[in-house]
Amino acid sequence: MDDRAYWITWYDLPEEKHEDHQAWFQESYIPKMLGLPGVLWGAHYGAKTNIVPLGGGQGRVKHHAAPGEVPGGKEFILIFGAATPHVFSDPGAAAFHEGLTREDRSMLEAMQGVRTNLMLEEARVVGPGVDPETPVAPAIQLGSFNAVRPDVENELSTWYARWRLPSISKVPGIVRVRKLVSVAGWAKHACFYEFNSLAERDQNFVHYEDGNPEMVAWSSNIVADLVHATPGAIVAERIWPSR
């Protein structure tokens, strides 16, 4: 599938609105988005807490965006895929939302900490997980970030090309990994990992560098020079589609 562009939205909801809002997404908003010319697929994910960080320790992220710099939505992630980012730029999110019903707009207004990024795929690897033709995997990890300095960018690109993507493509349970770059939005970079399940992520992915101290050191140095959106990479399970 030629899905190389992504419209990603992170957001929160008051707990009492969860059930009604999820039903509205599935019955109204997502079908309307999928009806737009060029939109290939959509997926809705709910974030999980108490996740196992990479390496099984405390994680490597040292820098987060300053409070108030970036909206803090982290409970849900909504993603749509297309062939090019212009699918999402014409008519554009604002114009599309203005054309929705009053009920639809009121549901959108209930969303809190909303952050969006329009992104383009820089590179992709396919792992040994489920059928790679399935556009959206049951579980994901999605991190969005910027480099602390311009000189970090070349090393970051080299690290993804020479180590992170090739090595992860061999990890059991990995369906795909997509390295993304920004067209619009706070984060210049994102990495979109897809898994058969959260259990396989925790069993295989978080330990994939074990026994390779040189690569652990390289990865730790790279991540130390990145600024992530709070709370860092989000691990989530698919809400829709259910299968």
C-alpha atoms as a PDB file:
ATOM      1  CA  MET A   1       0.000   0.000   0.000  1.00  0.00           C
ATOM      2  CA  ASP A   2       1.385   3.388  -1.011  1.00  0.00           C
ATOM      3  CA  ASP A   3       0.772   5.068   2.341  1.00  0.00           C
ATOM      4  CA  ARG A   4       3.668   7.466   2.867  1.00  0.00           C
ATOM      5  CA  ALA A   5       1.918  10.437   4.491  1.00  0.00           C
ATOM      6  CA  TYR A   6       0.317  10.581   7.935  1.00  0.00           C
ATOM      7  CA  TRP A   7      -1.976  12.927   9.822  1.00  0.00           C
ATOM      8  CA  ILE A   8      -1.411  12.185  13.505  1.00  0.00           C
ATOM      9  CA  THR A   9      -3.419  13.606  16.413  1.00  0.00           C
ATOM     10  CA  TRP A  10      -2.631  13.133  20.097  1.00  0.00           C
ATOM     11  CA  TYR A  11      -5.331  14.089  22.602  1.00  0.00           C
ATOM     12  CA  ASP A  12      -6.940  13.548  26.019  1.00  0.00           C
ATOM     13  CA  LEU A  13     -10.577  13.280  27.113  1.00  0.00           C
ATOM     14  CA  PRO A  14     -12.407  13.653  30.424  1.00  0.00           C
ATOM     15  CA  GLU A  15     -13.074  10.124  31.646  1.00  0.00           C
ATOM     16  CA  GLU A  16     -16.849  10.567  31.620  1.00  0.00           C
ATOM     17  CA  LYS A  17     -16.734  11.296  27.873  1.00  0.00           C
ATOM     18  CA  HIS A  18     -14.690   8.263  26.826  1.00  0.00           C
ATOM     19  CA  GLU A  19     -17.510   5.926  25.833  1.00  0.00           C
ATOM     20  CA  ASP A  20     -19.621   8.427  23.878  1.00  0.00           C
ATOM     21  CA  HIS A  21     -16.604   9.951  22.203  1.00  0.00           C
ATOM     22  CA  GLN A  22     -15.169   6.646  21.028  1.00  0.00           C
ATOM     23  CA  ALA A  23     -18.541   5.680  19.563  1.00  0.00           C
ATOM     24  CA  TRP A  24     -18.698   9.030  17.746  1.00  0.00           C
ATOM     25  CA  PHE A  25     -15.221   8.570  16.324  1.00  0.00           C
ATOM     26  CA  GLN A  26     -16.070   5.142  14.969  1.00  0.00           C
ATOM     27  CA  GLU A  27     -19.554   5.946  13.695  1.00  0.00           C
ATOM     28  CA  SER A  28     -19.118   9.501  12.404  1.00  0.00           C
ATOM     29  CA  TYR A  29     -15.702  11.150  12.328  1.00  0.00           C
ATOM     30  CA  ILE A  30     -13.518   8.322  11.043  1.00  0.00           C
ATOM     31  CA  PRO A  31     -15.952   7.319   8.253  1.00  0.00           C
ATOM     32  CA  LYS A  32     -16.126  10.959   7.110  1.00  0.00           C
ATOM     33  CA  MET A  33     -12.330  11.175   7.030  1.00  0.00           C
ATOM     34  CA  LEU A  34     -12.095   7.905   5.113  1.00  0.00           C
ATOM     35  CA  GLY A  35     -14.567   9.328   2.610  1.00  0.00           C
ATOM     36  CA  LEU A  36     -12.160  12.095   1.614  1.00  0.00           C
ATOM     37  CA  PRO A  37     -10.373  11.513  -1.706  1.00  0.00           C
ATOM     38  CA  GLY A  38      -6.973   9.940  -1.180  1.00  0.00           C
ATOM     39  CA  VAL A  39      -7.340   8.900   2.470  1.00  0.00           C
ATOM     40  CA  LEU A  40      -6.304   5.239   2.510  1.00  0.00           C
ATOM     41  CA  TRP A  41      -6.869   4.161   6.101  1.00  0.00           C
ATOM     42  CA  GLY A  42      -7.465   5.296   9.644  1.00  0.00           C
ATOM     43  CA  ALA A  43      -6.597   3.894  13.070  1.00  0.00           C
ATOM     44  CA  HIS A  44      -7.448   4.871  16.620  1.00  0.00           C
ATOM     45  CA  TYR A  45      -5.265   3.877  19.589  1.00  0.00           C
ATOM     46  CA  GLY A  46      -5.555   4.092  23.367  1.00  0.00           C
ATOM     47  CA  ALA A  47      -2.350   4.640  25.337  1.00  0.00           C
ATOM     48  CA  LYS A  48      -1.157   2.188  27.957  1.00  0.00           C
ATOM     49  CA  THR A  49       0.547   3.036  31.231  1.00  0.00           C
ATOM     50  CA  ASN A  50       3.171   1.115  33.202  1.00  0.00           C
ATOM     51  CA  ILE A  51       4.893   0.102  29.995  1.00  0.00           C
ATOM     52  CA  VAL A  52       8.305  -1.549  29.939  1.00  0.00           C
ATOM     53  CA  PRO A  53      10.949   0.932  28.650  1.00  0.00           C
ATOM     54  CA  LEU A  54      13.633  -0.040  26.177  1.00  0.00           C
ATOM     55  CA  GLY A  55      16.309  -2.094  27.880  1.00  0.00           C
ATOM     56  CA  GLY A  56      13.968  -2.919  30.761  1.00  0.00           C
ATOM     57  CA  GLY A  57      15.322  -0.007  32.842  1.00  0.00           C
ATOM     58  CA  GLN A  58      14.189   3.583  33.326  1.00  0.00           C
ATOM     59  CA  GLY A  59      14.372   4.549  29.676  1.00  0.00           C
ATOM     60  CA  ARG A  60      16.819   6.844  27.894  1.00  0.00           C
ATOM     61  CA  VAL A  61      14.856  10.026  27.264  1.00  0.00           C
ATOM     62  CA  LYS A  62      16.479  12.917  29.141  1.00  0.00           C
ATOM     63  CA  HIS A  63      14.836  15.982  27.558  1.00  0.00           C
ATOM     64  CA  HIS A  64      11.171  16.869  27.174  1.00  0.00           C
ATOM     65  CA  ALA A  65       9.536  19.927  25.680  1.00  0.00           C
ATOM     66  CA  ALA A  66       9.086  22.750  28.194  1.00  0.00           C
ATOM     67  CA  PRO A  67       5.663  22.890  29.906  1.00  0.00           C
ATOM     68  CA  GLY A  68       3.249  24.835  27.729  1.00  0.00           C
ATOM     69  CA  GLU A  69       5.451  24.603  24.641  1.00  0.00           C
ATOM     70  CA  VAL A  70       3.575  21.627  23.236  1.00  0.00           C
ATOM     71  CA  PRO A  71      -0.022  20.520  23.967  1.00  0.00           C
ATOM     72  CA  GLY A  72       0.109  17.579  26.343  1.00  0.00           C
ATOM     73  CA  GLY A  73      -2.387  15.092  24.888  1.00  0.00           C
ATOM     74  CA  LYS A  74      -1.212  11.546  25.559  1.00  0.00           C
ATOM     75  CA  GLU A  75      -4.237   9.292  26.190  1.00  0.00           C
ATOM     76  CA  PHE A  76      -5.274   8.654  22.589  1.00  0.00           C
ATOM     77  CA  ILE A  77      -3.680   8.713  19.139  1.00  0.00           C
ATOM     78  CA  LEU A  78      -5.633   9.019  15.895  1.00  0.00           C
ATOM     79  CA  ILE A  79      -3.755   8.338  12.649  1.00  0.00           C
ATOM     80  CA  PHE A  80      -4.789   8.561   8.999  1.00  0.00           C
ATOM     81  CA  GLY A  81      -2.658   7.399   6.083  1.00  0.00           C
ATOM     82  CA  ALA A  82      -2.439   8.661   2.490  1.00  0.00           C
ATOM     83  CA  ALA A  83      -0.043   8.612  -0.442  1.00  0.00           C
ATOM     84  CA  THR A  84       0.981  12.271  -0.120  1.00  0.00           C
ATOM     85  CA  PRO A  85       0.625  14.937   2.598  1.00  0.00           C
ATOM     86  CA  HIS A  86      -1.359  17.147   0.211  1.00  0.00           C
ATOM     87  CA  VAL A  87      -4.296  14.766   0.688  1.00  0.00           C
ATOM     88  CA  PHE A  88      -4.560  16.278   4.184  1.00  0.00           C
ATOM     89  CA  SER A  89      -3.737  19.830   3.068  1.00  0.00           C
ATOM     90  CA  ASP A  90      -6.568  20.259   0.550  1.00  0.00           C
ATOM     91  CA  PRO A  91      -9.007  21.252   1.970  1.00  0.00           C
ATOM     92  CA  GLY A  92      -6.934  21.112   5.177  1.00  0.00           C
ATOM     93  CA  ALA A  93      -7.941  20.226   8.734  1.00  0.00           C
ATOM     94  CA  ALA A  94      -9.505  23.598   9.569  1.00  0.00           C
ATOM     95  CA  ALA A  95     -11.694  23.659   6.455  1.00  0.00           C
ATOM     96  CA  PHE A  96     -12.691  20.021   6.896  1.00  0.00           C
ATOM     97  CA  HIS A  97     -13.720  20.587  10.508  1.00  0.00           C
ATOM     98  CA  GLU A  98     -15.681  23.736   9.629  1.00  0.00           C
ATOM     99  CA  GLY A  99     -17.748  21.647   7.234  1.00  0.00           C
ATOM    100  CA  LEU A 100     -18.783  19.140   9.914  1.00  0.00           C
ATOM    101  CA  THR A 101     -22.093  19.165  11.740  1.00  0.00           C
ATOM    102  CA  ARG A 102     -22.585  21.132  14.946  1.00  0.00           C
ATOM    103  CA  GLU A 103     -22.620  17.840  16.886  1.00  0.00           C
ATOM    104  CA  ASP A 104     -19.331  16.800  15.312  1.00  0.00           C
ATOM    105  CA  ARG A 105     -17.721  20.127  16.187  1.00  0.00           C
ATOM    106  CA  SER A 106     -18.931  19.912  19.780  1.00  0.00           C
ATOM    107  CA  MET A 107     -17.309  16.497  20.078  1.00  0.00           C
ATOM    108  CA  LEU A 108     -14.055  17.882  18.710  1.00  0.00           C
ATOM    109  CA  GLU A 109     -14.195  20.716  21.250  1.00  0.00           C
ATOM    110  CA  ALA A 110     -14.338  18.172  24.088  1.00  0.00           C
ATOM    111  CA  MET A 111     -10.863  16.924  23.179  1.00  0.00           C
ATOM    112  CA  GLN A 112      -8.095  18.287  25.414  1.00  0.00           C
ATOM    113  CA  GLY A 113      -4.366  18.803  24.899  1.00  0.00           C
ATOM    114  CA  VAL A 114      -4.782  18.310  21.159  1.00  0.00           C
ATOM    115  CA  ARG A 115      -1.548  18.134  19.175  1.00  0.00           C
ATOM    116  CA  THR A 116      -1.237  17.322  15.489  1.00  0.00           C
ATOM    117  CA  ASN A 117       1.574  16.581  13.078  1.00  0.00           C
ATOM    118  CA  LEU A 118       1.422  16.118   9.332  1.00  0.00           C
ATOM    119  CA  MET A 119       4.297  13.801   8.507  1.00  0.00           C
ATOM    120  CA  LEU A 120       5.997  12.114   5.572  1.00  0.00           C
ATOM    121  CA  GLU A 121       7.734   8.755   5.602  1.00  0.00           C
ATOM    122  CA  GLU A 122      11.522   8.952   5.414  1.00  0.00           C
ATOM    123  CA  ALA A 123      12.195   5.216   5.631  1.00  0.00           C
ATOM    124  CA  ARG A 124      10.414   1.942   6.399  1.00  0.00           C
ATOM    125  CA  VAL A 125      11.412  -1.573   7.359  1.00  0.00           C
ATOM    126  CA  VAL A 126       9.131  -4.601   7.539  1.00  0.00           C
ATOM    127  CA  GLY A 127       9.607  -7.129  10.324  1.00  0.00           C
ATOM    128  CA  PRO A 128       8.689 -10.794  10.777  1.00  0.00           C
ATOM    129  CA  GLY A 129       5.300  -9.988  12.369  1.00  0.00           C
ATOM    130  CA  VAL A 130       1.801 -10.299  10.925  1.00  0.00           C
ATOM    131  CA  ASP A 131       0.912  -9.684   7.286  1.00  0.00           C
ATOM    132  CA  PRO A 132       2.687  -6.434   6.341  1.00  0.00           C
ATOM    133  CA  GLU A 133      -0.165  -5.570   3.976  1.00  0.00           C
ATOM    134  CA  THR A 134      -2.357  -4.904   7.014  1.00  0.00           C
ATOM    135  CA  PRO A 135      -2.239  -1.090   7.179  1.00  0.00           C
ATOM    136  CA  VAL A 136      -2.383  -0.755  10.974  1.00  0.00           C
ATOM    137  CA  ALA A 137      -0.997  -3.148  13.584  1.00  0.00           C
ATOM    138  CA  PRO A 138      -2.703  -4.070  16.878  1.00  0.00           C
ATOM    139  CA  ALA A 139      -0.055  -2.332  19.015  1.00  0.00           C
ATOM    140  CA  ILE A 140       2.260   0.609  18.446  1.00  0.00           C
ATOM    141  CA  GLN A 141       4.939   2.770  19.982  1.00  0.00           C
ATOM    142  CA  LEU A 142       5.058   6.337  18.669  1.00  0.00           C
ATOM    143  CA  GLY A 143       7.715   8.823  19.693  1.00  0.00           C
ATOM    144  CA  SER A 144       7.873  12.420  18.413  1.00  0.00           C
ATOM    145  CA  PHE A 145      10.897  14.606  18.968  1.00  0.00           C
ATOM    146  CA  ASN A 146      13.376  17.267  17.866  1.00  0.00           C
ATOM    147  CA  ALA A 147      17.167  17.342  18.009  1.00  0.00           C
ATOM    148  CA  VAL A 148      18.737  19.618  20.625  1.00  0.00           C
ATOM    149  CA  ARG A 149      21.160  21.044  18.043  1.00  0.00           C
ATOM    150  CA  PRO A 150      21.350  21.095  14.232  1.00  0.00           C
ATOM    151  CA  ASP A 151      24.595  19.080  14.221  1.00  0.00           C
ATOM    152  CA  VAL A 152      22.762  16.119  15.794  1.00  0.00           C
ATOM    153  CA  GLU A 153      20.613  15.649  12.693  1.00  0.00           C
ATOM    154  CA  ASN A 154      23.242  13.906  10.535  1.00  0.00           C
ATOM    155  CA  GLU A 155      24.219  11.496  13.305  1.00  0.00           C
ATOM    156  CA  LEU A 156      20.555  10.755  13.978  1.00  0.00           C
ATOM    157  CA  SER A 157      20.007   9.891  10.315  1.00  0.00           C
ATOM    158  CA  THR A 158      23.096   7.668  10.273  1.00  0.00           C
ATOM    159  CA  TRP A 159      21.975   5.874  13.448  1.00  0.00           C
ATOM    160  CA  TYR A 160      18.563   5.067  11.961  1.00  0.00           C
ATOM    161  CA  ALA A 161      20.081   3.935   8.650  1.00  0.00           C
ATOM    162  CA  ARG A 162      22.951   1.860  10.029  1.00  0.00           C
ATOM    163  CA  TRP A 163      21.600   0.488  13.279  1.00  0.00           C
ATOM    164  CA  ARG A 164      18.086   1.153  14.553  1.00  0.00           C
ATOM    165  CA  LEU A 165      16.023   0.252  11.474  1.00  0.00           C
ATOM    166  CA  PRO A 166      18.078  -2.708  10.139  1.00  0.00           C
ATOM    167  CA  SER A 167      18.419  -4.309  13.566  1.00  0.00           C
ATOM    168  CA  ILE A 168      14.776  -3.853  14.555  1.00  0.00           C
ATOM    169  CA  SER A 169      13.553  -5.388  11.304  1.00  0.00           C
ATOM    170  CA  LYS A 170      14.736  -8.765  12.624  1.00  0.00           C
ATOM    171  CA  VAL A 171      12.975  -8.586  16.010  1.00  0.00           C
ATOM    172  CA  PRO A 172      10.131 -11.123  16.479  1.00  0.00           C
ATOM    173  CA  GLY A 173       6.747  -9.453  16.774  1.00  0.00           C
ATOM    174  CA  ILE A 174       7.721  -6.371  14.766  1.00  0.00           C
ATOM    175  CA  VAL A 175       5.296  -5.703  11.913  1.00  0.00           C
ATOM    176  CA  ARG A 176       6.775  -2.446  10.581  1.00  0.00           C
ATOM    177  CA  VAL A 177       8.839   0.540  11.665  1.00  0.00           C
ATOM    178  CA  ARG A 178       8.333   3.858   9.894  1.00  0.00           C
ATOM    179  CA  LYS A 179      10.729   6.756  10.422  1.00  0.00           C
ATOM    180  CA  LEU A 180       8.813   9.985   9.770  1.00  0.00           C
ATOM    181  CA  VAL A 181       9.746  13.626   9.187  1.00  0.00           C
ATOM    182  CA  SER A 182       7.477  16.602   9.589  1.00  0.00           C
ATOM    183  CA  VAL A 183       5.584  18.644   7.041  1.00  0.00           C
ATOM    184  CA  ALA A 184       3.736  20.622   9.730  1.00  0.00           C
ATOM    185  CA  GLY A 185       3.661  20.466  13.527  1.00  0.00           C
ATOM    186  CA  TRP A 186       5.969  20.781  16.530  1.00  0.00           C
ATOM    187  CA  ALA A 187       7.951  17.582  16.106  1.00  0.00           C
ATOM    188  CA  LYS A 188      10.420  17.427  13.226  1.00  0.00           C
ATOM    189  CA  HIS A 189      10.866  13.669  13.682  1.00  0.00           C
ATOM    190  CA  ALA A 190       8.774  10.675  14.701  1.00  0.00           C
ATOM    191  CA  CYS A 191       9.296   6.939  14.809  1.00  0.00           C
ATOM    192  CA  PHE A 192       6.227   4.741  14.414  1.00  0.00           C
ATOM    193  CA  TYR A 193       6.804   1.161  15.617  1.00  0.00           C
ATOM    194  CA  GLU A 194       4.142  -1.506  14.998  1.00  0.00           C
ATOM    195  CA  PHE A 195       3.833  -4.804  16.859  1.00  0.00           C
ATOM    196  CA  ASN A 196       1.718  -7.960  16.800  1.00  0.00           C
ATOM    197  CA  SER A 197       0.899  -7.277  20.452  1.00  0.00           C
ATOM    198  CA  LEU A 198       2.092  -5.384  23.504  1.00  0.00           C
ATOM    199  CA  ALA A 199       3.224  -8.680  25.005  1.00  0.00           C
ATOM    200  CA  GLU A 200       5.595  -9.305  22.073  1.00  0.00           C
ATOM    201  CA  ARG A 201       6.859  -5.727  22.329  1.00  0.00           C
ATOM    202  CA  ASP A 202       7.705  -6.238  25.998  1.00  0.00           C
ATOM    203  CA  GLN A 203       9.238  -9.639  25.407  1.00  0.00           C
ATOM    204  CA  ASN A 204      11.360  -8.875  22.354  1.00  0.00           C
ATOM    205  CA  PHE A 205      11.688  -5.222  21.359  1.00  0.00           C
ATOM    206  CA  VAL A 206      12.670  -3.759  24.720  1.00  0.00           C
ATOM    207  CA  HIS A 207      15.625  -6.164  24.964  1.00  0.00           C
ATOM    208  CA  TYR A 208      16.776  -6.235  21.347  1.00  0.00           C
ATOM    209  CA  GLU A 209      20.092  -4.443  22.091  1.00  0.00           C
ATOM    210  CA  ASP A 210      20.979  -6.662  25.044  1.00  0.00           C
ATOM    211  CA  GLY A 211      24.450  -8.100  24.651  1.00  0.00           C
ATOM    212  CA  ASN A 212      25.599  -5.346  22.288  1.00  0.00           C
ATOM    213  CA  PRO A 213      27.137  -2.681  24.560  1.00  0.00           C
ATOM    214  CA  GLU A 214      28.611  -0.660  21.679  1.00  0.00           C
ATOM    215  CA  MET A 215      25.195  -0.176  20.109  1.00  0.00           C
ATOM    216  CA  VAL A 216      23.582   0.469  23.500  1.00  0.00           C
ATOM    217  CA  ALA A 217      26.069   3.283  24.034  1.00  0.00           C
ATOM    218  CA  TRP A 218      25.432   4.732  20.566  1.00  0.00           C
ATOM    219  CA  SER A 219      21.670   4.604  21.052  1.00  0.00           C
ATOM    220  CA  SER A 220      21.916   6.183  24.502  1.00  0.00           C
ATOM    221  CA  ASN A 221      24.062   9.030  23.175  1.00  0.00           C
ATOM    222  CA  ILE A 222      21.652   9.706  20.307  1.00  0.00           C
ATOM    223  CA  VAL A 223      18.547   9.715  22.494  1.00  0.00           C
ATOM    224  CA  ALA A 224      20.261  11.998  25.013  1.00  0.00           C
ATOM    225  CA  ASP A 225      20.429  14.673  22.297  1.00  0.00           C
ATOM    226  CA  LEU A 226      16.712  14.577  21.495  1.00  0.00           C
ATOM    227  CA  VAL A 227      13.829  16.585  22.951  1.00  0.00           C
ATOM    228  CA  HIS A 228      10.622  14.535  23.148  1.00  0.00           C
ATOM    229  CA  ALA A 229       7.074  15.651  23.571  1.00  0.00           C
ATOM    230  CA  THR A 230       5.896  14.800  27.083  1.00  0.00           C
ATOM    231  CA  PRO A 231       5.709  12.006  28.260  1.00  0.00           C
ATOM    232  CA  GLY A 232       8.023  10.591  25.583  1.00  0.00           C
ATOM    233  CA  ALA A 233       7.209   7.706  23.286  1.00  0.00           C
ATOM    234  CA  ILE A 234       3.632   6.492  23.752  1.00  0.00           C
ATOM    235  CA  VAL A 235       2.806   2.792  23.702  1.00  0.00           C
ATOM    236  CA  ALA A 236      -0.779   2.064  22.702  1.00  0.00           C
ATOM    237  CA  GLU A 237      -3.247  -0.627  21.639  1.00  0.00           C
ATOM    238  CA  ARG A 238      -5.625  -0.316  18.728  1.00  0.00           C
ATOM    239  CA  ILE A 239      -9.222   0.652  19.547  1.00  0.00           C
ATOM    240  CA  TRP A 240     -10.410   0.844  15.939  1.00  0.00           C
ATOM    241  CA  PRO A 241     -10.505  -1.089  13.722  1.00  0.00           C
ATOM    242  CA  SER A 242     -11.163  -3.849  16.228  1.00  0.00           C
ATOM    243  CA  ARG A 243      -9.577  -6.473  13.943  1.00  0.00           C
END
